[in-house]
């Protein structure tokens, strides 16, 4: 297992994220994790990477829901790489809310990301450049 430095993303809860009970709807968690993933790639891979030829695709995501999120909660997500393979890698996410100055985990997730050549529509090997950036 890799313990790379986590990237931290703040979550902005929108009123439209709420369900009838005033909780953030479970489907919205995937959007929050997607936003955290994009922030992670911006920070780890860099803004200047050419995503038009090759990049990553989401192959799988597994989410654990621990505590409901309310509109007034302050939420942030820690994202880091936890496994690197030959063509894929895993990202681990931990979503927290702040309560009375303490971090309380509200959800966690793991995703499998596959390196992909968009023109050829096939998976490709993880480059040494990506590998190095992911394990930092």
Protein backbone atom coordinates (compact mmCIF):
# COMPACT_ATOMS: atom_id res chain seq x y z
CA UNK A 1 0.00 0.00 0.00
CA UNK A 2 1.16 3.50 -0.83
CA UNK A 3 0.72 6.33 1.63
CA UNK A 4 1.11 9.35 -0.61
CA UNK A 5 0.52 12.83 0.74
CA UNK A 6 -3.23 13.52 0.72
CA UNK A 7 -4.69 16.37 -1.28
CA UNK A 8 -7.44 18.26 0.57
CA UNK A 9 -10.54 19.65 -1.17
CA UNK A 10 -13.26 21.78 0.38
CA UNK A 11 -16.83 20.80 -0.51
CA UNK A 12 -19.44 23.48 -1.15
CA UNK A 13 -22.87 22.07 -0.34
CA UNK A 14 -25.60 23.44 -2.60
CA UNK A 15 -29.25 23.59 -1.61
CA UNK A 16 -30.03 21.40 -4.63
CA UNK A 17 -27.82 18.64 -3.13
CA UNK A 18 -30.38 18.01 -0.38
CA UNK A 19 -33.12 15.40 -0.31
CA UNK A 20 -36.58 15.65 1.25
CA UNK A 21 -35.13 14.97 4.71
CA UNK A 22 -32.56 17.78 4.55
CA UNK A 23 -29.62 15.41 4.04
CA UNK A 24 -27.20 15.50 1.13
CA UNK A 25 -28.57 12.90 -1.30
CA UNK A 26 -26.44 9.77 -1.62
CA UNK A 27 -25.96 10.25 -5.39
CA UNK A 28 -24.37 13.66 -4.76
CA UNK A 29 -21.49 12.06 -2.85
CA UNK A 30 -20.21 10.76 -6.20
CA UNK A 31 -20.10 14.33 -7.50
CA UNK A 32 -18.19 15.44 -4.40
CA UNK A 33 -15.69 12.62 -4.92
CA UNK A 34 -15.39 13.52 -8.61
CA UNK A 35 -14.60 17.14 -7.71
CA UNK A 36 -11.99 15.94 -5.21
CA UNK A 37 -10.48 13.66 -7.88
CA UNK A 38 -10.20 16.55 -10.36
CA UNK A 39 -8.51 18.71 -7.70
CA UNK A 40 -6.17 15.82 -6.90
CA UNK A 41 -5.13 15.46 -10.55
CA UNK A 42 -4.67 19.23 -10.93
CA UNK A 43 -2.33 19.26 -7.93
CA UNK A 44 -0.51 15.96 -8.48
CA UNK A 45 -0.32 15.68 -12.28
CA UNK A 46 -0.43 19.40 -13.04
CA UNK A 47 -2.57 21.84 -14.99
CA UNK A 48 -0.39 21.63 -18.12
CA UNK A 49 -0.95 17.91 -18.77
CA UNK A 50 -2.49 17.23 -22.22
CA UNK A 51 -5.64 15.25 -21.37
CA UNK A 52 -6.84 15.15 -25.00
CA UNK A 53 -4.71 12.14 -26.02
CA UNK A 54 -4.44 10.03 -22.92
CA UNK A 55 -5.47 10.19 -19.32
CA UNK A 56 -7.51 8.18 -16.87
CA UNK A 57 -10.99 6.74 -16.77
CA UNK A 58 -12.97 5.74 -13.72
CA UNK A 59 -13.39 1.96 -13.77
CA UNK A 60 -14.94 1.48 -10.34
CA UNK A 61 -15.89 3.39 -7.22
CA UNK A 62 -17.05 2.04 -3.88
CA UNK A 63 -18.60 4.38 -1.31
CA UNK A 64 -19.30 3.87 2.39
CA UNK A 65 -21.89 6.20 3.92
CA UNK A 66 -21.26 6.68 7.64
CA UNK A 67 -23.11 9.79 8.84
CA UNK A 68 -25.63 12.01 7.00
CA UNK A 69 -24.40 15.39 5.76
CA UNK A 70 -26.56 18.44 6.46
CA UNK A 71 -26.65 21.75 4.60
CA UNK A 72 -24.87 23.60 7.41
CA UNK A 73 -21.99 21.11 7.69
CA UNK A 74 -18.46 22.17 6.72
CA UNK A 75 -17.14 19.34 4.55
CA UNK A 76 -13.71 18.50 3.14
CA UNK A 77 -12.21 15.47 1.40
CA UNK A 78 -8.73 13.98 1.69
CA UNK A 79 -7.65 12.16 -1.48
CA UNK A 80 -4.51 10.12 -1.99
CA UNK A 81 -3.15 7.26 -4.05
CA UNK A 82 -3.22 3.94 -2.20
CA UNK A 83 -2.17 1.47 -4.94
CA UNK A 84 -0.24 1.65 -8.20
CA UNK A 85 -0.42 -1.16 -10.77
CA UNK A 86 0.83 -1.52 -14.33
CA UNK A 87 -2.20 0.07 -16.04
CA UNK A 88 -4.28 1.28 -13.12
CA UNK A 89 -4.12 2.84 -9.68
CA UNK A 90 -6.47 3.27 -6.75
CA UNK A 91 -7.44 6.49 -5.04
CA UNK A 92 -8.67 6.56 -1.46
CA UNK A 93 -11.01 9.29 -0.26
CA UNK A 94 -12.06 10.31 3.24
CA UNK A 95 -14.86 12.85 3.65
CA UNK A 96 -15.05 14.74 6.94
CA UNK A 97 -17.22 17.33 8.62
CA UNK A 98 -16.02 19.66 11.33
CA UNK A 99 -17.97 19.63 14.59
CA UNK A 100 -16.84 21.44 17.73
CA UNK A 101 -13.32 21.72 16.28
CA UNK A 102 -13.08 17.98 15.62
CA UNK A 103 -12.95 16.07 12.34
CA UNK A 104 -15.74 13.50 12.00
CA UNK A 105 -15.61 11.09 9.06
CA UNK A 106 -18.93 11.06 7.20
CA UNK A 107 -17.99 8.88 4.23
CA UNK A 108 -15.09 7.07 2.61
CA UNK A 109 -14.53 5.74 -0.88
CA UNK A 110 -12.04 3.94 -3.09
CA UNK A 111 -11.83 4.25 -6.86
CA UNK A 112 -9.96 2.32 -9.53
CA UNK A 113 -8.53 4.58 -12.21
CA UNK A 114 -7.29 3.12 -15.51
CA UNK A 115 -4.77 4.80 -17.81
CA UNK A 116 -6.46 5.19 -21.18
CA UNK A 117 -5.57 6.20 -24.74
CA UNK A 118 -8.64 8.07 -26.01
CA UNK A 119 -7.73 7.88 -29.73
CA UNK A 120 -7.17 4.11 -29.66
CA UNK A 121 -9.89 3.54 -27.05
CA UNK A 122 -7.80 1.14 -24.98
CA UNK A 123 -6.00 0.93 -21.68
CA UNK A 124 -2.29 1.71 -21.65
CA UNK A 125 0.64 1.24 -19.30
CA UNK A 126 1.10 3.73 -16.48
CA UNK A 127 4.08 5.92 -17.38
CA UNK A 128 7.02 6.35 -15.02
CA UNK A 129 6.14 10.06 -14.84
CA UNK A 130 2.64 9.27 -13.56
CA UNK A 131 3.95 6.55 -11.24
CA UNK A 132 6.45 8.96 -9.66
CA UNK A 133 3.84 11.68 -9.17
CA UNK A 134 1.29 9.28 -7.67
CA UNK A 135 3.61 7.87 -5.00
CA UNK A 136 4.91 11.24 -3.75
